[in-house]
Structure formats: C-alpha cells, structure tokens
Amino acid sequence: MSAKNLDSKGRLRSRVVGFRMSESEAKELNLKVAASGMNKQDYIIESLLKRNIRIVGGRKVIREFQMQLEAILEELQFMDENTDIDEDVIMPLKVVLEVLTADEAKK
C-alpha cells in the first residue's frame, strides 16, 4: 500500500476537483496565482473558501509584476491614440492594482 500524501499541515487531500475555464479566465487566474506567491492549488482553495489571500512578496512576485508591466508597456507603445485597449492589456493591470491596493489597505 502506498504512503499517504499529506500536505504541509498534515492534512490528507484525497479529493480531486476539476472545472473548465475560458482562456481569459485561465490567464487571470494564473496572474493572480503568480502575484500571490502561492501555488495554484493553495490559491484556489483559499479563494473558494473565502479566506483572505495573503500576498507573499518576494523576488518571484516582484519579477512577475515586472514582466507583466513590461509586456503591457510594449503593447501600449505600439498602439495609436484611436485604438481601444484590449482586455488582455487591462486585466493584468487590474490584478497589479488589486494587489497594490490591498497592500496599501493593510498599512
């Protein structure tokens, strides 16, 4: 018989939960997971159970923000004044703003 796979808090997590998402929903989830510094499983569990998500600041999170902001800047530089901003550009900005706003509220 195989050994039980316990998490870091000694809980046995034997249930598998799956669901489908659109591409844009998956991108947003991945951005929020990266911004949180948590792994995806822990982030989803915390989110679904209505717990507060604690952003774990560190080099990984800062680098993720930097990459997202650089990509947004590049996208914006190639747009002209009459072009509507695509949701793929706005969504990462919303996530970064959400994290920064939550961090300011804690102070």
PDB file of N, CA and C in Angstrom:
ATOM      1  N   MET A   1       0.842  -1.171   0.000  1.00  0.00           N
ATOM      2  CA  MET A   1       0.000   0.000   0.000  1.00  0.00           C
ATOM      3  C   MET A   1       0.894   1.243   0.000  1.00  0.00           C
ATOM      4  N   SER A   2       0.536   2.248  -0.807  1.00  0.00           N
ATOM      5  CA  SER A   2       1.378   3.442  -0.903  1.00  0.00           C
ATOM      6  C   SER A   2       1.193   4.356   0.310  1.00  0.00           C
ATOM      7  N   ALA A   3       2.190   5.162   0.550  1.00  0.00           N
ATOM      8  CA  ALA A   3       2.138   6.097   1.682  1.00  0.00           C
ATOM      9  C   ALA A   3       1.133   7.196   1.396  1.00  0.00           C
ATOM     10  N   LYS A   4       0.489   7.679   2.443  1.00  0.00           N
ATOM     11  CA  LYS A   4      -0.484   8.756   2.297  1.00  0.00           C
ATOM     12  C   LYS A   4       0.252  10.055   1.990  1.00  0.00           C
ATOM     13  N   ASN A   5      -0.319  10.823   1.076  1.00  0.00           N
ATOM     14  CA  ASN A   5       0.281  12.079   0.663  1.00  0.00           C
ATOM     15  C   ASN A   5      -0.333  13.216   1.471  1.00  0.00           C
ATOM     16  N   LEU A   6       0.360  13.672   2.515  1.00  0.00           N
ATOM     17  CA  LEU A   6      -0.140  14.722   3.380  1.00  0.00           C
ATOM     18  C   LEU A   6       0.449  16.064   2.957  1.00  0.00           C
ATOM     19  N   ASP A   7      -0.311  17.137   3.167  1.00  0.00           N
ATOM     20  CA  ASP A   7       0.221  18.458   2.868  1.00  0.00           C
ATOM     21  C   ASP A   7       1.088  18.944   4.023  1.00  0.00           C
ATOM     22  N   SER A   8       1.567  20.187   3.937  1.00  0.00           N
ATOM     23  CA  SER A   8       2.493  20.705   4.950  1.00  0.00           C
ATOM     24  C   SER A   8       1.864  20.832   6.333  1.00  0.00           C
ATOM     25  N   LYS A   9       0.536  20.842   6.408  1.00  0.00           N
ATOM     26  CA  LYS A   9      -0.147  20.936   7.699  1.00  0.00           C
ATOM     27  C   LYS A   9      -0.674  19.588   8.170  1.00  0.00           C
ATOM     28  N   GLY A  10      -0.243  18.514   7.511  1.00  0.00           N
ATOM     29  CA  GLY A  10      -0.612  17.173   7.926  1.00  0.00           C
ATOM     30  C   GLY A  10      -1.992  16.721   7.475  1.00  0.00           C
ATOM     31  N   ARG A  11      -2.604  17.441   6.536  1.00  0.00           N
ATOM     32  CA  ARG A  11      -3.949  17.076   6.067  1.00  0.00           C
ATOM     33  C   ARG A  11      -3.850  16.114   4.890  1.00  0.00           C
ATOM     34  N   LEU A  12      -4.712  15.152   4.884  1.00  0.00           N
ATOM     35  CA  LEU A  12      -4.805  14.243   3.748  1.00  0.00           C
ATOM     36  C   LEU A  12      -5.744  14.865   2.736  1.00  0.00           C
ATOM     37  N   ARG A  13      -5.246  15.131   1.560  1.00  0.00           N
ATOM     38  CA  ARG A  13      -6.066  15.723   0.498  1.00  0.00           C
ATOM     39  C   ARG A  13      -6.251  14.675  -0.587  1.00  0.00           C
ATOM     40  N   SER A  14      -7.335  13.931  -0.459  1.00  0.00           N
ATOM     41  CA  SER A  14      -7.575  12.830  -1.388  1.00  0.00           C
ATOM     42  C   SER A  14      -8.641  13.150  -2.429  1.00  0.00           C
ATOM     43  N   ARG A  15      -9.320  14.271  -2.319  1.00  0.00           N
ATOM     44  CA  ARG A  15     -10.379  14.635  -3.260  1.00  0.00           C
ATOM     45  C   ARG A  15      -9.808  15.438  -4.419  1.00  0.00           C
ATOM     46  N   VAL A  16     -10.256  15.133  -5.622  1.00  0.00           N
ATOM     47  CA  VAL A  16      -9.846  15.864  -6.814  1.00  0.00           C
ATOM     48  C   VAL A  16     -11.041  16.672  -7.291  1.00  0.00           C
ATOM     49  N   VAL A  17     -10.815  17.960  -7.531  1.00  0.00           N
ATOM     50  CA  VAL A  17     -11.859  18.845  -8.024  1.00  0.00           C
ATOM     51  C   VAL A  17     -11.371  19.425  -9.343  1.00  0.00           C
ATOM     52  N   GLY A  18     -12.195  19.351 -10.362  1.00  0.00           N
ATOM     53  CA  GLY A  18     -11.821  19.887 -11.661  1.00  0.00           C
ATOM     54  C   GLY A  18     -12.922  20.756 -12.221  1.00  0.00           C
ATOM     55  N   PHE A  19     -12.549  21.726 -13.037  1.00  0.00           N
ATOM     56  CA  PHE A  19     -13.528  22.597 -13.672  1.00  0.00           C
ATOM     57  C   PHE A  19     -12.910  23.197 -14.923  1.00  0.00           C
ATOM     58  N   ARG A  20     -13.766  23.747 -15.776  1.00  0.00           N
ATOM     59  CA  ARG A  20     -13.308  24.340 -17.030  1.00  0.00           C
ATOM     60  C   ARG A  20     -13.339  25.859 -16.939  1.00  0.00           C
ATOM     61  N   MET A  21     -12.404  26.483 -17.659  1.00  0.00           N
ATOM     62  CA  MET A  21     -12.319  27.945 -17.700  1.00  0.00           C
ATOM     63  C   MET A  21     -12.066  28.384 -19.132  1.00  0.00           C
ATOM     64  N   SER A  22     -12.453  29.629 -19.425  1.00  0.00           N
ATOM     65  CA  SER A  22     -12.110  30.205 -20.723  1.00  0.00           C
ATOM     66  C   SER A  22     -10.629  30.583 -20.706  1.00  0.00           C
ATOM     67  N   GLU A  23     -10.079  30.895 -21.868  1.00  0.00           N
ATOM     68  CA  GLU A  23      -8.674  31.306 -21.939  1.00  0.00           C
ATOM     69  C   GLU A  23      -8.425  32.553 -21.104  1.00  0.00           C
ATOM     70  N   SER A  24      -9.334  33.528 -21.188  1.00  0.00           N
ATOM     71  CA  SER A  24      -9.128  34.767 -20.435  1.00  0.00           C
ATOM     72  C   SER A  24      -9.242  34.529 -18.930  1.00  0.00           C
ATOM     73  N   GLU A  25     -10.149  33.661 -18.510  1.00  0.00           N
ATOM     74  CA  GLU A  25     -10.268  33.331 -17.087  1.00  0.00           C
ATOM     75  C   GLU A  25      -9.009  32.625 -16.588  1.00  0.00           C
ATOM     76  N   ALA A  26      -8.484  31.719 -17.418  1.00  0.00           N
ATOM     77  CA  ALA A  26      -7.266  30.989 -17.037  1.00  0.00           C
ATOM     78  C   ALA A  26      -6.079  31.941 -16.931  1.00  0.00           C
ATOM     79  N   LYS A  27      -5.989  32.907 -17.857  1.00  0.00           N
ATOM     80  CA  LYS A  27      -4.905  33.889 -17.792  1.00  0.00           C
ATOM     81  C   LYS A  27      -5.004  34.714 -16.517  1.00  0.00           C
ATOM     82  N   GLU A  28      -6.215  35.152 -16.196  1.00  0.00           N
ATOM     83  CA  GLU A  28      -6.407  35.952 -14.991  1.00  0.00           C
ATOM     84  C   GLU A  28      -6.060  35.149 -13.741  1.00  0.00           C
ATOM     85  N   LEU A  29      -6.501  33.897 -13.709  1.00  0.00           N
ATOM     86  CA  LEU A  29      -6.170  33.037 -12.572  1.00  0.00           C
ATOM     87  C   LEU A  29      -4.661  32.891 -12.437  1.00  0.00           C
ATOM     88  N   ASN A  30      -3.978  32.624 -13.539  1.00  0.00           N
ATOM     89  CA  ASN A  30      -2.528  32.447 -13.497  1.00  0.00           C
ATOM     90  C   ASN A  30      -1.823  33.711 -13.028  1.00  0.00           C
ATOM     91  N   LEU A  31      -2.316  34.880 -13.444  1.00  0.00           N
ATOM     92  CA  LEU A  31      -1.733  36.141 -12.982  1.00  0.00           C
ATOM     93  C   LEU A  31      -1.912  36.306 -11.484  1.00  0.00           C
ATOM     94  N   LYS A  32      -3.110  36.000 -10.994  1.00  0.00           N
ATOM     95  CA  LYS A  32      -3.386  36.154  -9.565  1.00  0.00           C
ATOM     96  C   LYS A  32      -2.580  35.147  -8.743  1.00  0.00           C
ATOM     97  N   VAL A  33      -2.433  33.952  -9.255  1.00  0.00           N
ATOM     98  CA  VAL A  33      -1.626  32.941  -8.566  1.00  0.00           C
ATOM     99  C   VAL A  33      -0.174  33.411  -8.496  1.00  0.00           C
ATOM    100  N   ALA A  34       0.355  33.884  -9.615  1.00  0.00           N
ATOM    101  CA  ALA A  34       1.742  34.354  -9.637  1.00  0.00           C
ATOM    102  C   ALA A  34       1.929  35.536  -8.696  1.00  0.00           C
ATOM    103  N   ALA A  35       0.955  36.432  -8.663  1.00  0.00           N
ATOM    104  CA  ALA A  35       1.044  37.614  -7.795  1.00  0.00           C
ATOM    105  C   ALA A  35       0.977  37.239  -6.323  1.00  0.00           C
ATOM    106  N   SER A  36       0.288  36.148  -6.012  1.00  0.00           N
ATOM    107  CA  SER A  36       0.126  35.756  -4.615  1.00  0.00           C
ATOM    108  C   SER A  36       1.373  35.098  -4.041  1.00  0.00           C
ATOM    109  N   GLY A  37       2.202  34.513  -4.900  1.00  0.00           N
ATOM    110  CA  GLY A  37       3.375  33.784  -4.419  1.00  0.00           C
ATOM    111  C   GLY A  37       3.022  32.389  -3.918  1.00  0.00           C
ATOM    112  N   MET A  38       1.751  32.001  -4.068  1.00  0.00           N
ATOM    113  CA  MET A  38       1.301  30.677  -3.624  1.00  0.00           C
ATOM    114  C   MET A  38       1.305  29.732  -4.820  1.00  0.00           C
ATOM    115  N   ASN A  39       1.177  28.433  -4.557  1.00  0.00           N
ATOM    116  CA  ASN A  39       0.969  27.530  -5.678  1.00  0.00           C
ATOM    117  C   ASN A  39      -0.522  27.566  -6.043  1.00  0.00           C
ATOM    118  N   LYS A  40      -0.844  27.097  -7.223  1.00  0.00           N
ATOM    119  CA  LYS A  40      -2.208  27.226  -7.735  1.00  0.00           C
ATOM    120  C   LYS A  40      -3.227  26.497  -6.855  1.00  0.00           C
ATOM    121  N   GLN A  41      -2.892  25.302  -6.394  1.00  0.00           N
ATOM    122  CA  GLN A  41      -3.822  24.540  -5.555  1.00  0.00           C
ATOM    123  C   GLN A  41      -4.175  25.318  -4.293  1.00  0.00           C
ATOM    124  N   ASP A  42      -3.169  25.822  -3.599  1.00  0.00           N
ATOM    125  CA  ASP A  42      -3.421  26.563  -2.365  1.00  0.00           C
ATOM    126  C   ASP A  42      -4.190  27.849  -2.630  1.00  0.00           C
ATOM    127  N   TYR A  43      -3.862  28.535  -3.720  1.00  0.00           N
ATOM    128  CA  TYR A  43      -4.564  29.776  -4.057  1.00  0.00           C
ATOM    129  C   TYR A  43      -6.051  29.506  -4.303  1.00  0.00           C
ATOM    130  N   ILE A  44      -6.347  28.474  -5.083  1.00  0.00           N
ATOM    131  CA  ILE A  44      -7.747  28.164  -5.401  1.00  0.00           C
ATOM    132  C   ILE A  44      -8.504  27.760  -4.139  1.00  0.00           C
ATOM    133  N   ILE A  45      -7.905  26.938  -3.305  1.00  0.00           N
ATOM    134  CA  ILE A  45      -8.566  26.522  -2.069  1.00  0.00           C
ATOM    135  C   ILE A  45      -8.852  27.735  -1.194  1.00  0.00           C
ATOM    136  N   GLU A  46      -7.859  28.594  -1.024  1.00  0.00           N
ATOM    137  CA  GLU A  46      -8.050  29.800  -0.202  1.00  0.00           C
ATOM    138  C   GLU A  46      -9.151  30.679  -0.793  1.00  0.00           C
ATOM    139  N   SER A  47      -9.137  30.864  -2.104  1.00  0.00           N
ATOM    140  CA  SER A  47     -10.135  31.713  -2.763  1.00  0.00           C
ATOM    141  C   SER A  47     -11.545  31.141  -2.634  1.00  0.00           C
ATOM    142  N   LEU A  48     -11.679  29.864  -2.870  1.00  0.00           N
ATOM    143  CA  LEU A  48     -13.000  29.237  -2.850  1.00  0.00           C
ATOM    144  C   LEU A  48     -13.608  29.188  -1.457  1.00  0.00           C
ATOM    145  N   LEU A  49     -12.758  29.082  -0.465  1.00  0.00           N
ATOM    146  CA  LEU A  49     -13.262  29.009   0.904  1.00  0.00           C
ATOM    147  C   LEU A  49     -13.380  30.394   1.539  1.00  0.00           C
ATOM    148  N   LYS A  50     -13.285  31.434   0.718  1.00  0.00           N
ATOM    149  CA  LYS A  50     -13.490  32.830   1.137  1.00  0.00           C
ATOM    150  C   LYS A  50     -12.511  33.295   2.203  1.00  0.00           C
ATOM    151  N   ARG A  51     -11.344  32.776   2.170  1.00  0.00           N
ATOM    152  CA  ARG A  51     -10.309  33.246   3.084  1.00  0.00           C
ATOM    153  C   ARG A  51      -9.589  34.406   2.406  1.00  0.00           C
ATOM    154  N   ASN A  52      -8.964  35.249   3.188  1.00  0.00           N
ATOM    155  CA  ASN A  52      -8.175  36.335   2.618  1.00  0.00           C
ATOM    156  C   ASN A  52      -6.921  35.754   1.998  1.00  0.00           C
ATOM    157  N   ILE A  53      -6.604  36.192   0.802  1.00  0.00           N
ATOM    158  CA  ILE A  53      -5.392  35.753   0.134  1.00  0.00           C
ATOM    159  C   ILE A  53      -4.272  36.690   0.561  1.00  0.00           C
ATOM    160  N   ARG A  54      -3.240  36.129   1.117  1.00  0.00           N
ATOM    161  CA  ARG A  54      -2.094  36.909   1.579  1.00  0.00           C
ATOM    162  C   ARG A  54      -1.041  36.884   0.488  1.00  0.00           C
ATOM    163  N   ILE A  55      -0.655  38.052   0.032  1.00  0.00           N
ATOM    164  CA  ILE A  55       0.371  38.147  -0.990  1.00  0.00           C
ATOM    165  C   ILE A  55       1.726  37.973  -0.311  1.00  0.00           C
ATOM    166  N   VAL A  56       2.478  37.022  -0.807  1.00  0.00           N
ATOM    167  CA  VAL A  56       3.796  36.744  -0.248  1.00  0.00           C
ATOM    168  C   VAL A  56       4.809  37.451  -1.137  1.00  0.00           C
ATOM    169  N   GLY A  57       5.214  38.650  -0.715  1.00  0.00           N
ATOM    170  CA  GLY A  57       6.153  39.430  -1.509  1.00  0.00           C
ATOM    171  C   GLY A  57       7.520  38.787  -1.513  1.00  0.00           C
ATOM    172  N   GLY A  58       8.151  38.847  -2.608  1.00  0.00           N
ATOM    173  CA  GLY A  58       9.482  38.291  -2.752  1.00  0.00           C
ATOM    174  C   GLY A  58       9.973  38.537  -4.163  1.00  0.00           C
ATOM    175  N   ARG A  59      11.130  38.053  -4.454  1.00  0.00           N
ATOM    176  CA  ARG A  59      11.711  38.258  -5.782  1.00  0.00           C
ATOM    177  C   ARG A  59      10.832  37.675  -6.884  1.00  0.00           C
ATOM    178  N   LYS A  60      10.249  36.525  -6.628  1.00  0.00           N
ATOM    179  CA  LYS A  60       9.411  35.885  -7.648  1.00  0.00           C
ATOM    180  C   LYS A  60       8.198  36.749  -7.981  1.00  0.00           C
ATOM    181  N   VAL A  61       7.534  37.275  -6.962  1.00  0.00           N
ATOM    182  CA  VAL A  61       6.351  38.108  -7.169  1.00  0.00           C
ATOM    183  C   VAL A  61       6.738  39.414  -7.851  1.00  0.00           C
ATOM    184  N   ILE A  62       7.824  40.031  -7.387  1.00  0.00           N
ATOM    185  CA  ILE A  62       8.279  41.287  -7.992  1.00  0.00           C
ATOM    186  C   ILE A  62       8.650  41.067  -9.451  1.00  0.00           C
ATOM    187  N   ARG A  63       9.330  39.975  -9.744  1.00  0.00           N
ATOM    188  CA  ARG A  63       9.715  39.664 -11.132  1.00  0.00           C
ATOM    189  C   ARG A  63       8.475  39.440 -11.993  1.00  0.00           C
ATOM    190  N   GLU A  64       7.468  38.767 -11.458  1.00  0.00           N
ATOM    191  CA  GLU A  64       6.228  38.533 -12.204  1.00  0.00           C
ATOM    192  C   GLU A  64       5.550  39.865 -12.530  1.00  0.00           C
ATOM    193  N   PHE A  65       5.474  40.758 -11.543  1.00  0.00           N
ATOM    194  CA  PHE A  65       4.895  42.080 -11.787  1.00  0.00           C
ATOM    195  C   PHE A  65       5.696  42.829 -12.841  1.00  0.00           C
ATOM    196  N   GLN A  66       7.009  42.776 -12.728  1.00  0.00           N
ATOM    197  CA  GLN A  66       7.869  43.474 -13.674  1.00  0.00           C
ATOM    198  C   GLN A  66       7.644  42.966 -15.095  1.00  0.00           C
ATOM    199  N   MET A  67       7.577  41.652 -15.266  1.00  0.00           N
ATOM    200  CA  MET A  67       7.361  41.077 -16.600  1.00  0.00           C
ATOM    201  C   MET A  67       5.997  41.488 -17.155  1.00  0.00           C
ATOM    202  N   GLN A  68       4.966  41.465 -16.296  1.00  0.00           N
ATOM    203  CA  GLN A  68       3.633  41.851 -16.748  1.00  0.00           C
ATOM    204  C   GLN A  68       3.602  43.317 -17.167  1.00  0.00           C
ATOM    205  N   LEU A  69       4.203  44.175 -16.355  1.00  0.00           N
ATOM    206  CA  LEU A  69       4.204  45.604 -16.669  1.00  0.00           C
ATOM    207  C   LEU A  69       5.033  45.906 -17.922  1.00  0.00           C
ATOM    208  N   GLU A  70       6.134  45.193 -18.123  1.00  0.00           N
ATOM    209  CA  GLU A  70       6.931  45.371 -19.336  1.00  0.00           C
ATOM    210  C   GLU A  70       6.144  44.952 -20.576  1.00  0.00           C
ATOM    211  N   ALA A  71       5.404  43.855 -20.477  1.00  0.00           N
ATOM    212  CA  ALA A  71       4.581  43.398 -21.600  1.00  0.00           C
ATOM    213  C   ALA A  71       3.477  44.407 -21.909  1.00  0.00           C
ATOM    214  N   ILE A  72       2.878  44.968 -20.866  1.00  0.00           N
ATOM    215  CA  ILE A  72       1.822  45.963 -21.055  1.00  0.00           C
ATOM    216  C   ILE A  72       2.401  47.220 -21.703  1.00  0.00           C
ATOM    217  N   LEU A  73       3.553  47.668 -21.214  1.00  0.00           N
ATOM    218  CA  LEU A  73       4.196  48.848 -21.786  1.00  0.00           C
ATOM    219  C   LEU A  73       4.498  48.638 -23.264  1.00  0.00           C
ATOM    220  N   GLU A  74       5.023  47.481 -23.603  1.00  0.00           N
ATOM    221  CA  GLU A  74       5.336  47.167 -25.004  1.00  0.00           C
ATOM    222  C   GLU A  74       4.074  47.217 -25.858  1.00  0.00           C
ATOM    223  N   GLU A  75       3.006  46.638 -25.349  1.00  0.00           N
ATOM    224  CA  GLU A  75       1.723  46.633 -26.074  1.00  0.00           C
ATOM    225  C   GLU A  75       1.214  48.062 -26.265  1.00  0.00           C
ATOM    226  N   LEU A  76       1.284  48.873 -25.224  1.00  0.00           N
ATOM    227  CA  LEU A  76       0.779  50.243 -25.292  1.00  0.00           C
ATOM    228  C   LEU A  76       1.611  51.112 -26.228  1.00  0.00           C
ATOM    229  N   GLN A  77       2.900  50.856 -26.310  1.00  0.00           N
ATOM    230  CA  GLN A  77       3.762  51.647 -27.179  1.00  0.00           C
ATOM    231  C   GLN A  77       3.435  51.458 -28.655  1.00  0.00           C
ATOM    232  N   PHE A  78       2.876  50.328 -29.015  1.00  0.00           N
ATOM    233  CA  PHE A  78       2.557  50.063 -30.408  1.00  0.00           C
ATOM    234  C   PHE A  78       1.116  50.443 -30.774  1.00  0.00           C
ATOM    235  N   MET A  79       0.387  50.967 -29.836  1.00  0.00           N
ATOM    236  CA  MET A  79      -0.999  51.361 -30.100  1.00  0.00           C
ATOM    237  C   MET A  79      -1.038  52.838 -30.482  1.00  0.00           C
ATOM    238  N   ASP A  80      -1.980  53.183 -31.350  1.00  0.00           N
ATOM    239  CA  ASP A  80      -2.164  54.605 -31.619  1.00  0.00           C
ATOM    240  C   ASP A  80      -3.290  55.138 -30.739  1.00  0.00           C
ATOM    241  N   GLU A  81      -3.498  56.433 -30.759  1.00  0.00           N
ATOM    242  CA  GLU A  81      -4.445  57.075 -29.849  1.00  0.00           C
ATOM    243  C   GLU A  81      -5.890  56.633 -30.059  1.00  0.00           C
ATOM    244  N   ASN A  82      -6.216  56.197 -31.256  1.00  0.00           N
ATOM    245  CA  ASN A  82      -7.603  55.841 -31.582  1.00  0.00           C
ATOM    246  C   ASN A  82      -7.931  54.374 -31.350  1.00  0.00           C
ATOM    247  N   THR A  83      -6.967  53.601 -30.894  1.00  0.00           N
ATOM    248  CA  THR A  83      -7.161  52.173 -30.691  1.00  0.00           C
ATOM    249  C   THR A  83      -7.731  51.910 -29.297  1.00  0.00           C
ATOM    250  N   ASP A  84      -8.744  51.079 -29.234  1.00  0.00           N
ATOM    251  CA  ASP A  84      -9.276  50.667 -27.936  1.00  0.00           C
ATOM    252  C   ASP A  84      -8.289  49.706 -27.283  1.00  0.00           C
ATOM    253  N   ILE A  85      -8.157  49.833 -25.962  1.00  0.00           N
ATOM    254  CA  ILE A  85      -7.236  48.963 -25.231  1.00  0.00           C
ATOM    255  C   ILE A  85      -7.882  47.596 -25.065  1.00  0.00           C
ATOM    256  N   ASP A  86      -7.148  46.567 -25.444  1.00  0.00           N
ATOM    257  CA  ASP A  86      -7.616  45.192 -25.399  1.00  0.00           C
ATOM    258  C   ASP A  86      -7.717  44.699 -23.954  1.00  0.00           C
ATOM    259  N   GLU A  87      -8.658  43.805 -23.693  1.00  0.00           N
ATOM    260  CA  GLU A  87      -8.845  43.238 -22.352  1.00  0.00           C
ATOM    261  C   GLU A  87      -7.594  42.498 -21.879  1.00  0.00           C
ATOM    262  N   ASP A  88      -6.811  41.947 -22.810  1.00  0.00           N
ATOM    263  CA  ASP A  88      -5.571  41.262 -22.433  1.00  0.00           C
ATOM    264  C   ASP A  88      -4.543  42.226 -21.839  1.00  0.00           C
ATOM    265  N   VAL A  89      -4.681  43.512 -22.124  1.00  0.00           N
ATOM    266  CA  VAL A  89      -3.795  44.521 -21.546  1.00  0.00           C
ATOM    267  C   VAL A  89      -4.365  45.024 -20.220  1.00  0.00           C
ATOM    268  N   ILE A  90      -5.660  45.204 -20.173  1.00  0.00           N
ATOM    269  CA  ILE A  90      -6.302  45.761 -18.980  1.00  0.00           C
ATOM    270  C   ILE A  90      -6.285  44.782 -17.813  1.00  0.00           C
ATOM    271  N   MET A  91      -6.545  43.511 -18.069  1.00  0.00           N
ATOM    272  CA  MET A  91      -6.656  42.521 -16.994  1.00  0.00           C
ATOM    273  C   MET A  91      -5.407  42.429 -16.122  1.00  0.00           C
ATOM    274  N   PRO A  92      -4.187  42.337 -16.693  1.00  0.00           N
ATOM    275  CA  PRO A  92      -3.008  42.309 -15.820  1.00  0.00           C
ATOM    276  C   PRO A  92      -2.847  43.596 -15.004  1.00  0.00           C
ATOM    277  N   LEU A  93      -3.226  44.724 -15.581  1.00  0.00           N
ATOM    278  CA  LEU A  93      -3.168  45.982 -14.835  1.00  0.00           C
ATOM    279  C   LEU A  93      -4.117  45.947 -13.646  1.00  0.00           C
ATOM    280  N   LYS A  94      -5.301  45.392 -13.847  1.00  0.00           N
ATOM    281  CA  LYS A  94      -6.273  45.277 -12.759  1.00  0.00           C
ATOM    282  C   LYS A  94      -5.727  44.406 -11.630  1.00  0.00           C
ATOM    283  N   VAL A  95      -5.065  43.309 -11.989  1.00  0.00           N
ATOM    284  CA  VAL A  95      -4.506  42.405 -10.975  1.00  0.00           C
ATOM    285  C   VAL A  95      -3.408  43.110 -10.177  1.00  0.00           C
ATOM    286  N   VAL A  96      -2.507  43.799 -10.872  1.00  0.00           N
ATOM    287  CA  VAL A  96      -1.430  44.518 -10.183  1.00  0.00           C
ATOM    288  C   VAL A  96      -2.027  45.591  -9.280  1.00  0.00           C
ATOM    289  N   LEU A  97      -2.999  46.339  -9.784  1.00  0.00           N
ATOM    290  CA  LEU A  97      -3.636  47.383  -8.990  1.00  0.00           C
ATOM    291  C   LEU A  97      -4.354  46.797  -7.781  1.00  0.00           C
ATOM    292  N   GLU A  98      -5.024  45.669  -7.976  1.00  0.00           N
ATOM    293  CA  GLU A  98      -5.725  44.995  -6.879  1.00  0.00           C
ATOM    294  C   GLU A  98      -4.751  44.605  -5.758  1.00  0.00           C
ATOM    295  N   VAL A  99      -3.609  44.069  -6.139  1.00  0.00           N
ATOM    296  CA  VAL A  99      -2.606  43.658  -5.152  1.00  0.00           C
ATOM    297  C   VAL A  99      -2.042  44.876  -4.432  1.00  0.00           C
ATOM    298  N   LEU A 100      -1.703  45.916  -5.186  1.00  0.00           N
ATOM    299  CA  LEU A 100      -1.135  47.110  -4.577  1.00  0.00           C
ATOM    300  C   LEU A 100      -2.143  47.811  -3.674  1.00  0.00           C
ATOM    301  N   THR A 101      -3.409  47.847  -4.083  1.00  0.00           N
ATOM    302  CA  THR A 101      -4.449  48.461  -3.279  1.00  0.00           C
ATOM    303  C   THR A 101      -4.659  47.692  -1.976  1.00  0.00           C
ATOM    304  N   ALA A 102      -4.662  46.368  -2.063  1.00  0.00           N
ATOM    305  CA  ALA A 102      -4.824  45.535  -0.872  1.00  0.00           C
ATOM    306  C   ALA A 102      -3.644  45.737   0.074  1.00  0.00           C
ATOM    307  N   ASP A 103      -2.445  45.878  -0.477  1.00  0.00           N
ATOM    308  CA  ASP A 103      -1.264  46.077   0.338  1.00  0.00           C
ATOM    309  C   ASP A 103      -1.335  47.426   1.046  1.00  0.00           C
ATOM    310  N   GLU A 104      -1.784  48.460   0.365  1.00  0.00           N
ATOM    311  CA  GLU A 104      -1.930  49.787   0.974  1.00  0.00           C
ATOM    312  C   GLU A 104      -2.975  49.785   2.077  1.00  0.00           C
ATOM    313  N   ALA A 105      -4.056  49.025   1.894  1.00  0.00           N
ATOM    314  CA  ALA A 105      -5.127  48.971   2.887  1.00  0.00           C
ATOM    315  C   ALA A 105      -4.637  48.333   4.186  1.00  0.00           C
ATOM    316  N   LYS A 106      -3.645  47.436   4.104  1.00  0.00           N
ATOM    317  CA  LYS A 106      -3.124  46.771   5.296  1.00  0.00           C
ATOM    318  C   LYS A 106      -2.265  47.708   6.143  1.00  0.00           C
ATOM    319  N   LYS A 107      -1.730  48.759   5.522  1.00  0.00           N
ATOM    320  CA  LYS A 107      -0.802  49.664   6.230  1.00  0.00           C
ATOM    321  C   LYS A 107      -1.520  50.622   7.126  1.00  0.00           C
TER     322      LYS A 107
END
